[in-house]
């Protein structure tokens, strides 16, 4: 139910995603796990999805294209 639109600005060369992270805040832990696992498929987990003092489920992952994502369920 979310639309995310972005533009590469008509750049040339290899894309480089540095200095930014996109964040997802799903409504449930189950949805957080589904999204996190989908992003991690072919990507690189930077911090496994787990409970923290500020969230029942928080994790960091770079997808297969190198885009950094934060997945966070509000506590």
N, C-alpha and C. Protein backbone atom coordinates (compact mmCIF):
# COMPACT_ATOMS: atom_id res chain seq x y z
N UNK A 1 0.80 -1.19 0.00
CA UNK A 1 0.00 0.00 0.00
C UNK A 1 0.84 1.26 0.00
N UNK A 2 2.15 1.11 -0.30
CA UNK A 2 3.05 2.25 -0.31
C UNK A 2 3.66 2.40 -1.68
N UNK A 3 3.73 3.61 -2.15
CA UNK A 3 4.40 3.91 -3.41
C UNK A 3 5.62 4.74 -3.10
N UNK A 4 6.75 4.29 -3.59
CA UNK A 4 8.00 5.03 -3.44
C UNK A 4 8.51 5.33 -4.83
N UNK A 5 8.71 6.59 -5.13
CA UNK A 5 9.19 6.98 -6.44
C UNK A 5 10.54 7.67 -6.28
N UNK A 6 11.45 7.40 -7.18
CA UNK A 6 12.77 8.02 -7.14
C UNK A 6 13.26 8.21 -8.57
N UNK A 7 14.22 9.08 -8.73
CA UNK A 7 14.80 9.35 -10.03
C UNK A 7 16.30 9.32 -9.92
N UNK A 8 16.95 8.81 -10.95
CA UNK A 8 18.42 8.79 -10.95
C UNK A 8 19.00 10.08 -11.50
N UNK A 9 18.17 11.01 -11.86
CA UNK A 9 18.64 12.31 -12.35
C UNK A 9 19.36 12.22 -13.68
N UNK A 10 19.09 11.15 -14.42
CA UNK A 10 19.70 10.95 -15.74
C UNK A 10 21.21 10.83 -15.63
N UNK A 11 21.70 10.32 -14.51
CA UNK A 11 23.13 10.14 -14.31
C UNK A 11 23.69 9.06 -15.22
N UNK A 12 24.98 9.10 -15.40
CA UNK A 12 25.63 8.07 -16.20
C UNK A 12 26.57 7.28 -15.30
N UNK A 13 26.96 6.13 -15.75
CA UNK A 13 27.86 5.30 -14.98
C UNK A 13 27.12 4.39 -14.02
N UNK A 14 27.87 3.73 -13.17
CA UNK A 14 27.31 2.78 -12.22
C UNK A 14 26.66 3.54 -11.05
N UNK A 15 25.46 3.09 -10.69
CA UNK A 15 24.75 3.71 -9.56
C UNK A 15 25.51 3.46 -8.27
N UNK A 16 25.50 4.45 -7.38
CA UNK A 16 26.15 4.33 -6.09
C UNK A 16 25.20 4.88 -5.03
N UNK A 17 24.80 4.02 -4.12
CA UNK A 17 23.87 4.41 -3.06
C UNK A 17 24.68 4.56 -1.78
N UNK A 18 25.13 5.77 -1.50
CA UNK A 18 25.96 6.01 -0.33
C UNK A 18 25.39 7.16 0.48
N UNK A 19 25.43 7.01 1.79
CA UNK A 19 25.03 8.10 2.67
C UNK A 19 23.54 8.21 2.94
N UNK A 20 22.75 7.26 2.42
CA UNK A 20 21.31 7.29 2.68
C UNK A 20 20.83 5.89 3.04
N UNK A 21 19.75 5.83 3.77
CA UNK A 21 19.04 4.58 4.03
C UNK A 21 17.56 4.88 3.89
N UNK A 22 16.83 3.97 3.31
CA UNK A 22 15.38 4.07 3.27
C UNK A 22 14.84 3.29 4.46
N UNK A 23 13.75 3.74 5.03
CA UNK A 23 13.19 3.09 6.21
C UNK A 23 11.77 2.58 5.94
N UNK A 24 11.51 1.40 6.44
CA UNK A 24 10.17 0.81 6.40
C UNK A 24 9.71 0.61 7.84
N UNK A 25 8.45 0.92 8.10
CA UNK A 25 7.89 0.75 9.44
C UNK A 25 6.60 -0.07 9.34
N UNK A 26 6.73 -1.39 9.19
CA UNK A 26 5.54 -2.23 9.08
C UNK A 26 4.77 -2.28 10.39
N UNK A 27 3.51 -2.67 10.30
CA UNK A 27 2.63 -2.67 11.47
C UNK A 27 2.85 -3.86 12.40
N UNK A 28 3.48 -4.93 11.91
CA UNK A 28 3.64 -6.12 12.74
C UNK A 28 5.03 -6.71 12.59
N UNK A 29 5.41 -7.52 13.56
CA UNK A 29 6.70 -8.21 13.48
C UNK A 29 6.72 -9.21 12.32
N UNK A 30 5.59 -9.86 12.08
CA UNK A 30 5.51 -10.82 10.97
C UNK A 30 5.78 -10.12 9.64
N UNK A 31 5.17 -8.96 9.46
CA UNK A 31 5.39 -8.21 8.22
C UNK A 31 6.82 -7.69 8.14
N UNK A 32 7.39 -7.31 9.26
CA UNK A 32 8.79 -6.87 9.29
C UNK A 32 9.71 -8.00 8.83
N UNK A 33 9.48 -9.21 9.32
CA UNK A 33 10.30 -10.36 8.92
C UNK A 33 10.13 -10.64 7.42
N UNK A 34 8.91 -10.56 6.92
CA UNK A 34 8.67 -10.80 5.49
C UNK A 34 9.43 -9.79 4.63
N UNK A 35 9.32 -8.51 4.97
CA UNK A 35 9.99 -7.46 4.20
C UNK A 35 11.51 -7.58 4.32
N UNK A 36 12.00 -7.79 5.54
CA UNK A 36 13.44 -7.90 5.77
C UNK A 36 14.03 -9.06 4.97
N UNK A 37 13.37 -10.21 5.02
CA UNK A 37 13.87 -11.38 4.28
C UNK A 37 13.85 -11.16 2.78
N UNK A 38 12.84 -10.46 2.28
CA UNK A 38 12.77 -10.16 0.85
C UNK A 38 13.91 -9.23 0.43
N UNK A 39 14.18 -8.23 1.25
CA UNK A 39 15.28 -7.30 0.95
C UNK A 39 16.63 -7.99 1.07
N UNK A 40 16.77 -8.91 2.00
CA UNK A 40 18.04 -9.61 2.21
C UNK A 40 18.34 -10.63 1.13
N UNK A 41 17.32 -11.08 0.39
CA UNK A 41 17.52 -12.08 -0.66
C UNK A 41 18.42 -11.50 -1.75
N UNK A 42 19.64 -11.99 -1.83
CA UNK A 42 20.61 -11.48 -2.78
C UNK A 42 21.34 -10.25 -2.30
N UNK A 43 21.01 -9.79 -1.10
CA UNK A 43 21.64 -8.60 -0.52
C UNK A 43 22.58 -8.97 0.61
N UNK A 44 22.76 -8.02 1.53
CA UNK A 44 23.69 -8.23 2.64
C UNK A 44 23.07 -7.70 3.93
N UNK A 45 22.90 -8.60 4.90
CA UNK A 45 22.37 -8.21 6.21
C UNK A 45 23.47 -7.48 6.97
N UNK A 46 23.18 -6.28 7.41
CA UNK A 46 24.14 -5.49 8.18
C UNK A 46 23.88 -5.62 9.68
N UNK A 47 22.61 -5.75 10.06
CA UNK A 47 22.21 -6.00 11.44
C UNK A 47 20.96 -6.86 11.38
N UNK A 48 21.03 -8.09 11.88
CA UNK A 48 19.86 -8.97 11.81
C UNK A 48 18.64 -8.35 12.48
N UNK A 49 17.48 -8.70 11.97
CA UNK A 49 16.22 -8.22 12.54
C UNK A 49 16.04 -8.86 13.91
N UNK A 50 15.97 -8.04 14.94
CA UNK A 50 15.84 -8.55 16.31
C UNK A 50 15.24 -7.48 17.21
N UNK A 51 14.88 -7.89 18.41
CA UNK A 51 14.32 -6.96 19.39
C UNK A 51 15.43 -6.06 19.93
N UNK A 52 15.09 -4.80 20.14
CA UNK A 52 16.00 -3.83 20.74
C UNK A 52 15.25 -3.11 21.86
N UNK A 53 15.93 -2.22 22.55
CA UNK A 53 15.26 -1.47 23.61
C UNK A 53 14.21 -0.51 23.06
N UNK A 54 14.28 -0.18 21.77
CA UNK A 54 13.33 0.77 21.19
C UNK A 54 12.34 0.16 20.22
N UNK A 55 12.49 -1.14 19.94
CA UNK A 55 11.60 -1.78 18.97
C UNK A 55 11.56 -3.29 19.19
N UNK A 56 10.39 -3.91 18.98
CA UNK A 56 10.33 -5.36 19.05
C UNK A 56 11.00 -6.03 17.85
N UNK A 57 11.23 -5.28 16.78
CA UNK A 57 11.91 -5.81 15.60
C UNK A 57 12.58 -4.66 14.84
N UNK A 58 13.91 -4.67 14.81
CA UNK A 58 14.68 -3.67 14.08
C UNK A 58 15.84 -4.36 13.40
N UNK A 59 16.09 -3.99 12.14
CA UNK A 59 17.23 -4.56 11.43
C UNK A 59 17.67 -3.64 10.30
N UNK A 60 18.90 -3.89 9.83
CA UNK A 60 19.48 -3.10 8.74
C UNK A 60 19.99 -4.07 7.67
N UNK A 61 19.68 -3.75 6.43
CA UNK A 61 20.04 -4.63 5.32
C UNK A 61 20.28 -3.78 4.07
N UNK A 62 21.22 -4.22 3.24
CA UNK A 62 21.40 -3.63 1.91
C UNK A 62 20.83 -4.62 0.90
N UNK A 63 19.95 -4.16 0.04
CA UNK A 63 19.34 -5.07 -0.93
C UNK A 63 20.32 -5.43 -2.04
N UNK A 64 19.88 -6.23 -2.98
CA UNK A 64 20.76 -6.73 -4.06
C UNK A 64 21.31 -5.61 -4.94
N UNK A 65 20.74 -4.42 -4.85
CA UNK A 65 21.21 -3.30 -5.65
C UNK A 65 22.12 -2.37 -4.85
N UNK A 66 22.32 -2.68 -3.56
CA UNK A 66 23.17 -1.86 -2.71
C UNK A 66 22.45 -0.76 -1.97
N UNK A 67 21.12 -0.73 -2.06
CA UNK A 67 20.34 0.28 -1.35
C UNK A 67 20.19 -0.16 0.11
N UNK A 68 20.52 0.73 1.04
CA UNK A 68 20.44 0.43 2.47
C UNK A 68 19.01 0.65 2.96
N UNK A 69 18.54 -0.29 3.78
CA UNK A 69 17.19 -0.24 4.34
C UNK A 69 17.23 -0.43 5.85
N UNK A 70 16.36 0.28 6.55
CA UNK A 70 16.10 0.08 7.96
C UNK A 70 14.69 -0.45 8.05
N UNK A 71 14.50 -1.53 8.78
CA UNK A 71 13.16 -2.07 9.02
C UNK A 71 12.90 -1.94 10.52
N UNK A 72 11.82 -1.27 10.88
CA UNK A 72 11.57 -0.93 12.27
C UNK A 72 10.08 -1.03 12.59
N UNK A 73 9.75 -1.86 13.56
CA UNK A 73 8.39 -1.92 14.07
C UNK A 73 8.31 -0.99 15.27
N UNK A 74 7.35 -0.07 15.25
CA UNK A 74 7.19 0.85 16.37
C UNK A 74 6.80 0.09 17.63
N UNK A 75 7.35 0.50 18.76
CA UNK A 75 7.05 -0.20 20.01
C UNK A 75 5.76 0.27 20.62
